[in-house]
Amino acid sequence: MSIDKTKMEHEFIIPEGEQEIYEIIGNTIRDAREARNLTQQEVADMLGIGVEVLDAYENAEIAVPVYHFLEIAKYMKWPPEFDEMQKKIA
């Protein structure tokens, strides 16, 4: 599955020069999800999005909006992986 990025709202476009940060965020979301044995479908359902959108977040194809990041963090009870991520992007 793939996302047509040309039809995405502005908030989903990764700003120029910020790709590395979104790769760290996406990898962290994937690592935390997998460590908790959650499927992409489970997390996507919780967010009310398609699994292809979550996959695009995890692969840094599109930006993770803050409200989705916070919902993921809440759903996973702010996993320690997110603290480690903060150190990488700070």
PDB file of N, CA and C in Angstrom:
ATOM      1  N   MET A   1       0.838  -1.178   0.000  1.00  0.00           N
ATOM      2  CA  MET A   1       0.000   0.000   0.000  1.00  0.00           C
ATOM      3  C   MET A   1       0.884   1.242   0.000  1.00  0.00           C
ATOM      4  N   SER A   2       0.413   2.247  -0.681  1.00  0.00           N
ATOM      5  CA  SER A   2       1.185   3.487  -0.665  1.00  0.00           C
ATOM      6  C   SER A   2       0.246   4.678  -0.564  1.00  0.00           C
ATOM      7  N   ILE A   3       0.817   5.758  -0.117  1.00  0.00           N
ATOM      8  CA  ILE A   3       0.089   7.003   0.092  1.00  0.00           C
ATOM      9  C   ILE A   3       0.394   7.942  -1.069  1.00  0.00           C
ATOM     10  N   ASP A   4      -0.621   8.602  -1.598  1.00  0.00           N
ATOM     11  CA  ASP A   4      -0.409   9.636  -2.605  1.00  0.00           C
ATOM     12  C   ASP A   4      -0.093  10.930  -1.861  1.00  0.00           C
ATOM     13  N   LYS A   5       1.188  11.224  -1.724  1.00  0.00           N
ATOM     14  CA  LYS A   5       1.621  12.386  -0.943  1.00  0.00           C
ATOM     15  C   LYS A   5       1.221  13.714  -1.589  1.00  0.00           C
ATOM     16  N   THR A   6       0.890  13.689  -2.861  1.00  0.00           N
ATOM     17  CA  THR A   6       0.491  14.929  -3.521  1.00  0.00           C
ATOM     18  C   THR A   6      -0.885  15.402  -3.054  1.00  0.00           C
ATOM     19  N   LYS A   7      -1.644  14.502  -2.441  1.00  0.00           N
ATOM     20  CA  LYS A   7      -2.990  14.849  -1.976  1.00  0.00           C
ATOM     21  C   LYS A   7      -3.065  15.000  -0.453  1.00  0.00           C
ATOM     22  N   MET A   8      -1.907  15.004   0.205  1.00  0.00           N
ATOM     23  CA  MET A   8      -1.870  15.097   1.663  1.00  0.00           C
ATOM     24  C   MET A   8      -1.993  16.550   2.109  1.00  0.00           C
ATOM     25  N   GLU A   9      -2.575  16.728   3.269  1.00  0.00           N
ATOM     26  CA  GLU A   9      -2.641  18.062   3.864  1.00  0.00           C
ATOM     27  C   GLU A   9      -1.230  18.504   4.259  1.00  0.00           C
ATOM     28  N   HIS A  10      -1.059  19.810   4.368  1.00  0.00           N
ATOM     29  CA  HIS A  10       0.251  20.397   4.656  1.00  0.00           C
ATOM     30  C   HIS A  10       0.912  19.793   5.904  1.00  0.00           C
ATOM     31  N   GLU A  11       0.135  19.493   6.927  1.00  0.00           N
ATOM     32  CA  GLU A  11       0.703  18.989   8.178  1.00  0.00           C
ATOM     33  C   GLU A  11       1.407  17.642   8.022  1.00  0.00           C
ATOM     34  N   PHE A  12       1.165  16.939   6.936  1.00  0.00           N
ATOM     35  CA  PHE A  12       1.776  15.634   6.721  1.00  0.00           C
ATOM     36  C   PHE A  12       3.053  15.703   5.883  1.00  0.00           C
ATOM     37  N   ILE A  13       3.358  16.861   5.340  1.00  0.00           N
ATOM     38  CA  ILE A  13       4.543  17.018   4.505  1.00  0.00           C
ATOM     39  C   ILE A  13       5.763  17.217   5.409  1.00  0.00           C
ATOM     40  N   ILE A  14       6.779  16.408   5.204  1.00  0.00           N
ATOM     41  CA  ILE A  14       8.000  16.528   5.995  1.00  0.00           C
ATOM     42  C   ILE A  14       8.769  17.755   5.501  1.00  0.00           C
ATOM     43  N   PRO A  15       9.046  18.692   6.411  1.00  0.00           N
ATOM     44  CA  PRO A  15       9.771  19.905   5.996  1.00  0.00           C
ATOM     45  C   PRO A  15      11.159  19.571   5.460  1.00  0.00           C
ATOM     46  N   GLU A  16      11.593  20.358   4.513  1.00  0.00           N
ATOM     47  CA  GLU A  16      12.918  20.162   3.931  1.00  0.00           C
ATOM     48  C   GLU A  16      13.976  20.188   5.030  1.00  0.00           C
ATOM     49  N   GLY A  17      14.882  19.238   4.986  1.00  0.00           N
ATOM     50  CA  GLY A  17      15.962  19.159   5.958  1.00  0.00           C
ATOM     51  C   GLY A  17      15.590  18.453   7.255  1.00  0.00           C
ATOM     52  N   GLU A  18      14.346  17.975   7.377  1.00  0.00           N
ATOM     53  CA  GLU A  18      13.890  17.335   8.612  1.00  0.00           C
ATOM     54  C   GLU A  18      13.679  15.828   8.459  1.00  0.00           C
ATOM     55  N   GLN A  19      14.076  15.257   7.350  1.00  0.00           N
ATOM     56  CA  GLN A  19      13.846  13.835   7.084  1.00  0.00           C
ATOM     57  C   GLN A  19      14.430  12.942   8.184  1.00  0.00           C
ATOM     58  N   GLU A  20      15.633  13.246   8.630  1.00  0.00           N
ATOM     59  CA  GLU A  20      16.290  12.411   9.644  1.00  0.00           C
ATOM     60  C   GLU A  20      15.489  12.365  10.946  1.00  0.00           C
ATOM     61  N   ILE A  21      14.935  13.492  11.337  1.00  0.00           N
ATOM     62  CA  ILE A  21      14.129  13.530  12.568  1.00  0.00           C
ATOM     63  C   ILE A  21      12.907  12.637  12.426  1.00  0.00           C
ATOM     64  N   TYR A  22      12.242  12.699  11.270  1.00  0.00           N
ATOM     65  CA  TYR A  22      11.046  11.879  11.075  1.00  0.00           C
ATOM     66  C   TYR A  22      11.387  10.401  10.928  1.00  0.00           C
ATOM     67  N   GLU A  23      12.591  10.095  10.460  1.00  0.00           N
ATOM     68  CA  GLU A  23      13.041   8.704  10.438  1.00  0.00           C
ATOM     69  C   GLU A  23      13.223   8.185  11.867  1.00  0.00           C
ATOM     70  N   ILE A  24      13.789   9.004  12.732  1.00  0.00           N
ATOM     71  CA  ILE A  24      13.952   8.623  14.138  1.00  0.00           C
ATOM     72  C   ILE A  24      12.584   8.426  14.791  1.00  0.00           C
ATOM     73  N   ILE A  25      11.666   9.345  14.546  1.00  0.00           N
ATOM     74  CA  ILE A  25      10.314   9.243  15.123  1.00  0.00           C
ATOM     75  C   ILE A  25       9.620   7.981  14.608  1.00  0.00           C
ATOM     76  N   GLY A  26       9.659   7.765  13.305  1.00  0.00           N
ATOM     77  CA  GLY A  26       9.006   6.591  12.723  1.00  0.00           C
ATOM     78  C   GLY A  26       9.588   5.287  13.242  1.00  0.00           C
ATOM     79  N   ASN A  27      10.920   5.217  13.301  1.00  0.00           N
ATOM     80  CA  ASN A  27      11.569   4.011  13.825  1.00  0.00           C
ATOM     81  C   ASN A  27      11.201   3.779  15.283  1.00  0.00           C
ATOM     82  N   THR A  28      11.105   4.848  16.046  1.00  0.00           N
ATOM     83  CA  THR A  28      10.758   4.724  17.459  1.00  0.00           C
ATOM     84  C   THR A  28       9.328   4.231  17.627  1.00  0.00           C
ATOM     85  N   ILE A  29       8.424   4.764  16.849  1.00  0.00           N
ATOM     86  CA  ILE A  29       7.036   4.293  16.913  1.00  0.00           C
ATOM     87  C   ILE A  29       6.978   2.804  16.575  1.00  0.00           C
ATOM     88  N   ARG A  30       7.663   2.400  15.505  1.00  0.00           N
ATOM     89  CA  ARG A  30       7.682   0.988  15.114  1.00  0.00           C
ATOM     90  C   ARG A  30       8.289   0.122  16.217  1.00  0.00           C
ATOM     91  N   ASP A  31       9.432   0.543  16.743  1.00  0.00           N
ATOM     92  CA  ASP A  31      10.101  -0.254  17.783  1.00  0.00           C
ATOM     93  C   ASP A  31       9.217  -0.406  19.016  1.00  0.00           C
ATOM     94  N   ALA A  32       8.577   0.681  19.438  1.00  0.00           N
ATOM     95  CA  ALA A  32       7.703   0.633  20.618  1.00  0.00           C
ATOM     96  C   ALA A  32       6.485  -0.243  20.341  1.00  0.00           C
ATOM     97  N   ARG A  33       5.917  -0.132  19.149  1.00  0.00           N
ATOM     98  CA  ARG A  33       4.755  -0.946  18.778  1.00  0.00           C
ATOM     99  C   ARG A  33       5.117  -2.427  18.778  1.00  0.00           C
ATOM    100  N   GLU A  34       6.222  -2.759  18.142  1.00  0.00           N
ATOM    101  CA  GLU A  34       6.641  -4.156  18.055  1.00  0.00           C
ATOM    102  C   GLU A  34       7.022  -4.720  19.426  1.00  0.00           C
ATOM    103  N   ALA A  35       7.644  -3.912  20.278  1.00  0.00           N
ATOM    104  CA  ALA A  35       8.028  -4.365  21.617  1.00  0.00           C
ATOM    105  C   ALA A  35       6.805  -4.713  22.461  1.00  0.00           C
ATOM    106  N   ARG A  36       5.658  -4.139  22.106  1.00  0.00           N
ATOM    107  CA  ARG A  36       4.420  -4.397  22.842  1.00  0.00           C
ATOM    108  C   ARG A  36       3.517  -5.374  22.100  1.00  0.00           C
ATOM    109  N   ASN A  37       4.077  -5.994  21.065  1.00  0.00           N
ATOM    110  CA  ASN A  37       3.337  -6.963  20.250  1.00  0.00           C
ATOM    111  C   ASN A  37       2.035  -6.406  19.701  1.00  0.00           C
ATOM    112  N   LEU A  38       2.076  -5.131  19.296  1.00  0.00           N
ATOM    113  CA  LEU A  38       0.918  -4.501  18.682  1.00  0.00           C
ATOM    114  C   LEU A  38       1.096  -4.539  17.168  1.00  0.00           C
ATOM    115  N   THR A  39       0.030  -4.801  16.465  1.00  0.00           N
ATOM    116  CA  THR A  39       0.096  -4.772  15.004  1.00  0.00           C
ATOM    117  C   THR A  39      -0.121  -3.345  14.515  1.00  0.00           C
ATOM    118  N   GLN A  40       0.275  -3.117  13.281  1.00  0.00           N
ATOM    119  CA  GLN A  40      -0.013  -1.818  12.681  1.00  0.00           C
ATOM    120  C   GLN A  40      -1.517  -1.588  12.647  1.00  0.00           C
ATOM    121  N   GLN A  41      -2.279  -2.636  12.386  1.00  0.00           N
ATOM    122  CA  GLN A  41      -3.732  -2.506  12.314  1.00  0.00           C
ATOM    123  C   GLN A  41      -4.313  -2.060  13.653  1.00  0.00           C
ATOM    124  N   GLU A  42      -3.814  -2.613  14.764  1.00  0.00           N
ATOM    125  CA  GLU A  42      -4.321  -2.229  16.085  1.00  0.00           C
ATOM    126  C   GLU A  42      -4.073  -0.744  16.368  1.00  0.00           C
ATOM    127  N   VAL A  43      -2.876  -0.278  16.071  1.00  0.00           N
ATOM    128  CA  VAL A  43      -2.543   1.122  16.335  1.00  0.00           C
ATOM    129  C   VAL A  43      -3.305   2.030  15.370  1.00  0.00           C
ATOM    130  N   ALA A  44      -3.392   1.633  14.117  1.00  0.00           N
ATOM    131  CA  ALA A  44      -4.137   2.425  13.138  1.00  0.00           C
ATOM    132  C   ALA A  44      -5.608   2.536  13.540  1.00  0.00           C
ATOM    133  N   ASP A  45      -6.201   1.433  13.989  1.00  0.00           N
ATOM    134  CA  ASP A  45      -7.599   1.464  14.437  1.00  0.00           C
ATOM    135  C   ASP A  45      -7.771   2.411  15.618  1.00  0.00           C
ATOM    136  N   MET A  46      -6.833   2.386  16.553  1.00  0.00           N
ATOM    137  CA  MET A  46      -6.903   3.273  17.711  1.00  0.00           C
ATOM    138  C   MET A  46      -6.868   4.733  17.268  1.00  0.00           C
ATOM    139  N   LEU A  47      -6.067   5.038  16.254  1.00  0.00           N
ATOM    140  CA  LEU A  47      -5.942   6.412  15.755  1.00  0.00           C
ATOM    141  C   LEU A  47      -7.079   6.792  14.805  1.00  0.00           C
ATOM    142  N   GLY A  48      -7.785   5.796  14.294  1.00  0.00           N
ATOM    143  CA  GLY A  48      -8.840   6.065  13.332  1.00  0.00           C
ATOM    144  C   GLY A  48      -8.295   6.399  11.952  1.00  0.00           C
ATOM    145  N   ILE A  49      -7.159   5.762  11.605  1.00  0.00           N
ATOM    146  CA  ILE A  49      -6.529   5.977  10.302  1.00  0.00           C
ATOM    147  C   ILE A  49      -6.334   4.628   9.625  1.00  0.00           C
ATOM    148  N   GLY A  50      -5.991   4.664   8.358  1.00  0.00           N
ATOM    149  CA  GLY A  50      -5.678   3.440   7.644  1.00  0.00           C
ATOM    150  C   GLY A  50      -4.293   2.935   8.006  1.00  0.00           C
ATOM    151  N   VAL A  51      -4.110   1.643   7.888  1.00  0.00           N
ATOM    152  CA  VAL A  51      -2.808   1.051   8.197  1.00  0.00           C
ATOM    153  C   VAL A  51      -1.727   1.604   7.274  1.00  0.00           C
ATOM    154  N   GLU A  52      -2.106   1.992   6.046  1.00  0.00           N
ATOM    155  CA  GLU A  52      -1.121   2.549   5.118  1.00  0.00           C
ATOM    156  C   GLU A  52      -0.587   3.887   5.618  1.00  0.00           C
ATOM    157  N   VAL A  53      -1.404   4.637   6.357  1.00  0.00           N
ATOM    158  CA  VAL A  53      -0.940   5.914   6.920  1.00  0.00           C
ATOM    159  C   VAL A  53       0.048   5.643   8.053  1.00  0.00           C
ATOM    160  N   LEU A  54      -0.278   4.712   8.929  1.00  0.00           N
ATOM    161  CA  LEU A  54       0.653   4.369  10.013  1.00  0.00           C
ATOM    162  C   LEU A  54       1.961   3.848   9.428  1.00  0.00           C
ATOM    163  N   ASP A  55       1.877   3.024   8.409  1.00  0.00           N
ATOM    164  CA  ASP A  55       3.085   2.518   7.765  1.00  0.00           C
ATOM    165  C   ASP A  55       3.914   3.672   7.201  1.00  0.00           C
ATOM    166  N   ALA A  56       3.248   4.659   6.629  1.00  0.00           N
ATOM    167  CA  ALA A  56       3.956   5.833   6.089  1.00  0.00           C
ATOM    168  C   ALA A  56       4.601   6.645   7.210  1.00  0.00           C
ATOM    169  N   TYR A  57       3.958   6.707   8.386  1.00  0.00           N
ATOM    170  CA  TYR A  57       4.589   7.363   9.545  1.00  0.00           C
ATOM    171  C   TYR A  57       5.860   6.614   9.928  1.00  0.00           C
ATOM    172  N   GLU A  58       5.728   5.290  10.070  1.00  0.00           N
ATOM    173  CA  GLU A  58       6.859   4.477  10.529  1.00  0.00           C
ATOM    174  C   GLU A  58       8.022   4.497   9.547  1.00  0.00           C
ATOM    175  N   ASN A  59       7.727   4.681   8.269  1.00  0.00           N
ATOM    176  CA  ASN A  59       8.776   4.709   7.248  1.00  0.00           C
ATOM    177  C   ASN A  59       9.185   6.118   6.847  1.00  0.00           C
ATOM    178  N   ALA A  60       8.747   7.102   7.614  1.00  0.00           N
ATOM    179  CA  ALA A  60       9.090   8.511   7.392  1.00  0.00           C
ATOM    180  C   ALA A  60       8.775   8.962   5.971  1.00  0.00           C
ATOM    181  N   GLU A  61       7.662   8.468   5.442  1.00  0.00           N
ATOM    182  CA  GLU A  61       7.207   8.916   4.138  1.00  0.00           C
ATOM    183  C   GLU A  61       6.355  10.172   4.287  1.00  0.00           C
ATOM    184  N   ILE A  62       5.680  10.284   5.423  1.00  0.00           N
ATOM    185  CA  ILE A  62       4.901  11.480   5.751  1.00  0.00           C
ATOM    186  C   ILE A  62       5.155  11.808   7.221  1.00  0.00           C
ATOM    187  N   ALA A  63       4.904  13.051   7.576  1.00  0.00           N
ATOM    188  CA  ALA A  63       5.125  13.510   8.954  1.00  0.00           C
ATOM    189  C   ALA A  63       4.019  13.001   9.869  1.00  0.00           C
ATOM    190  N   VAL A  64       4.407  12.689  11.082  1.00  0.00           N
ATOM    191  CA  VAL A  64       3.440  12.299  12.115  1.00  0.00           C
ATOM    192  C   VAL A  64       2.933  13.580  12.775  1.00  0.00           C
ATOM    193  N   PRO A  65       1.640  13.885  12.636  1.00  0.00           N
ATOM    194  CA  PRO A  65       1.130  15.071  13.312  1.00  0.00           C
ATOM    195  C   PRO A  65       1.248  14.916  14.829  1.00  0.00           C
ATOM    196  N   VAL A  66       1.440  16.007  15.507  1.00  0.00           N
ATOM    197  CA  VAL A  66       1.615  15.977  16.963  1.00  0.00           C
ATOM    198  C   VAL A  66       0.447  15.259  17.632  1.00  0.00           C
ATOM    199  N   TYR A  67      -0.771  15.531  17.197  1.00  0.00           N
ATOM    200  CA  TYR A  67      -1.923  14.900  17.851  1.00  0.00           C
ATOM    201  C   TYR A  67      -1.904  13.386  17.700  1.00  0.00           C
ATOM    202  N   HIS A  68      -1.400  12.852  16.591  1.00  0.00           N
ATOM    203  CA  HIS A  68      -1.292  11.399  16.456  1.00  0.00           C
ATOM    204  C   HIS A  68      -0.147  10.862  17.302  1.00  0.00           C
ATOM    205  N   PHE A  69       0.961  11.588  17.330  1.00  0.00           N
ATOM    206  CA  PHE A  69       2.078  11.155  18.163  1.00  0.00           C
ATOM    207  C   PHE A  69       1.646  11.064  19.627  1.00  0.00           C
ATOM    208  N   LEU A  70       0.929  12.069  20.098  1.00  0.00           N
ATOM    209  CA  LEU A  70       0.490  12.070  21.496  1.00  0.00           C
ATOM    210  C   LEU A  70      -0.517  10.961  21.777  1.00  0.00           C
ATOM    211  N   GLU A  71      -1.381  10.656  20.815  1.00  0.00           N
ATOM    212  CA  GLU A  71      -2.328   9.552  20.993  1.00  0.00           C
ATOM    213  C   GLU A  71      -1.591   8.212  21.062  1.00  0.00           C
ATOM    214  N   ILE A  72      -0.573   8.052  20.220  1.00  0.00           N
ATOM    215  CA  ILE A  72       0.236   6.823  20.264  1.00  0.00           C
ATOM    216  C   ILE A  72       0.932   6.718  21.613  1.00  0.00           C
ATOM    217  N   ALA A  73       1.532   7.807  22.055  1.00  0.00           N
ATOM    218  CA  ALA A  73       2.225   7.821  23.349  1.00  0.00           C
ATOM    219  C   ALA A  73       1.264   7.462  24.482  1.00  0.00           C
ATOM    220  N   LYS A  74       0.076   8.019  24.448  1.00  0.00           N
ATOM    221  CA  LYS A  74      -0.935   7.730  25.473  1.00  0.00           C
ATOM    222  C   LYS A  74      -1.347   6.257  25.421  1.00  0.00           C
ATOM    223  N   TYR A  75      -1.589   5.754  24.226  1.00  0.00           N
ATOM    224  CA  TYR A  75      -2.003   4.360  24.027  1.00  0.00           C
ATOM    225  C   TYR A  75      -0.952   3.395  24.563  1.00  0.00           C
ATOM    226  N   MET A  76       0.315   3.746  24.385  1.00  0.00           N
ATOM    227  CA  MET A  76       1.418   2.886  24.843  1.00  0.00           C
ATOM    228  C   MET A  76       1.923   3.275  26.224  1.00  0.00           C
ATOM    229  N   LYS A  77       1.233   4.221  26.870  1.00  0.00           N
ATOM    230  CA  LYS A  77       1.595   4.687  28.219  1.00  0.00           C
ATOM    231  C   LYS A  77       3.016   5.263  28.251  1.00  0.00           C
ATOM    232  N   TRP A  78       3.286   6.151  27.298  1.00  0.00           N
ATOM    233  CA  TRP A  78       4.597   6.814  27.103  1.00  0.00           C
ATOM    234  C   TRP A  78       5.746   5.822  27.296  1.00  0.00           C
ATOM    235  N   PRO A  79       5.987   5.026  26.276  1.00  0.00           N
ATOM    236  CA  PRO A  79       7.032   4.008  26.385  1.00  0.00           C
ATOM    237  C   PRO A  79       8.426   4.613  26.553  1.00  0.00           C
ATOM    238  N   PRO A  80       9.319   3.897  27.221  1.00  0.00           N
ATOM    239  CA  PRO A  80      10.687   4.403  27.418  1.00  0.00           C
ATOM    240  C   PRO A  80      11.407   4.692  26.096  1.00  0.00           C
ATOM    241  N   GLU A  81      11.005   4.019  25.033  1.00  0.00           N
ATOM    242  CA  GLU A  81      11.607   4.289  23.727  1.00  0.00           C
ATOM    243  C   GLU A  81      11.422   5.752  23.329  1.00  0.00           C
ATOM    244  N   PHE A  82      10.328   6.359  23.794  1.00  0.00           N
ATOM    245  CA  PHE A  82      10.079   7.758  23.441  1.00  0.00           C
ATOM    246  C   PHE A  82      11.037   8.691  24.180  1.00  0.00           C
ATOM    247  N   ASP A  83      11.426   8.326  25.387  1.00  0.00           N
ATOM    248  CA  ASP A  83      12.428   9.118  26.108  1.00  0.00           C
ATOM    249  C   ASP A  83      13.772   9.050  25.385  1.00  0.00           C
ATOM    250  N   GLU A  84      14.117   7.866  24.906  1.00  0.00           N
ATOM    251  CA  GLU A  84      15.372   7.704  24.167  1.00  0.00           C
ATOM    252  C   GLU A  84      15.335   8.482  22.858  1.00  0.00           C
ATOM    253  N   MET A  85      14.173   8.496  22.216  1.00  0.00           N
ATOM    254  CA  MET A  85      14.015   9.250  20.982  1.00  0.00           C
ATOM    255  C   MET A  85      14.265  10.730  21.213  1.00  0.00           C
ATOM    256  N   GLN A  86      13.742  11.239  22.303  1.00  0.00           N
ATOM    257  CA  GLN A  86      13.909  12.649  22.626  1.00  0.00           C
ATOM    258  C   GLN A  86      15.385  13.016  22.707  1.00  0.00           C
ATOM    259  N   LYS A  87      16.188  12.131  23.275  1.00  0.00           N
ATOM    260  CA  LYS A  87      17.627  12.389  23.386  1.00  0.00           C
ATOM    261  C   LYS A  87      18.287  12.443  22.004  1.00  0.00           C
ATOM    262  N   LYS A  88      17.780  11.636  21.072  1.00  0.00           N
ATOM    263  CA  LYS A  88      18.363  11.603  19.733  1.00  0.00           C
ATOM    264  C   LYS A  88      18.038  12.850  18.918  1.00  0.00           C
ATOM    265  N   ILE A  89      16.860  13.434  19.140  1.00  0.00           N
ATOM    266  CA  ILE A  89      16.465  14.560  18.297  1.00  0.00           C
ATOM    267  C   ILE A  89      16.632  15.906  18.989  1.00  0.00           C
ATOM    268  N   ALA A  90      17.023  15.898  20.256  1.00  0.00           N
ATOM    269  CA  ALA A  90      17.182  17.157  20.992  1.00  0.00           C
ATOM    270  C   ALA A  90      18.444  17.884  20.591  1.00  0.00           C
TER     271      ALA A  90
END
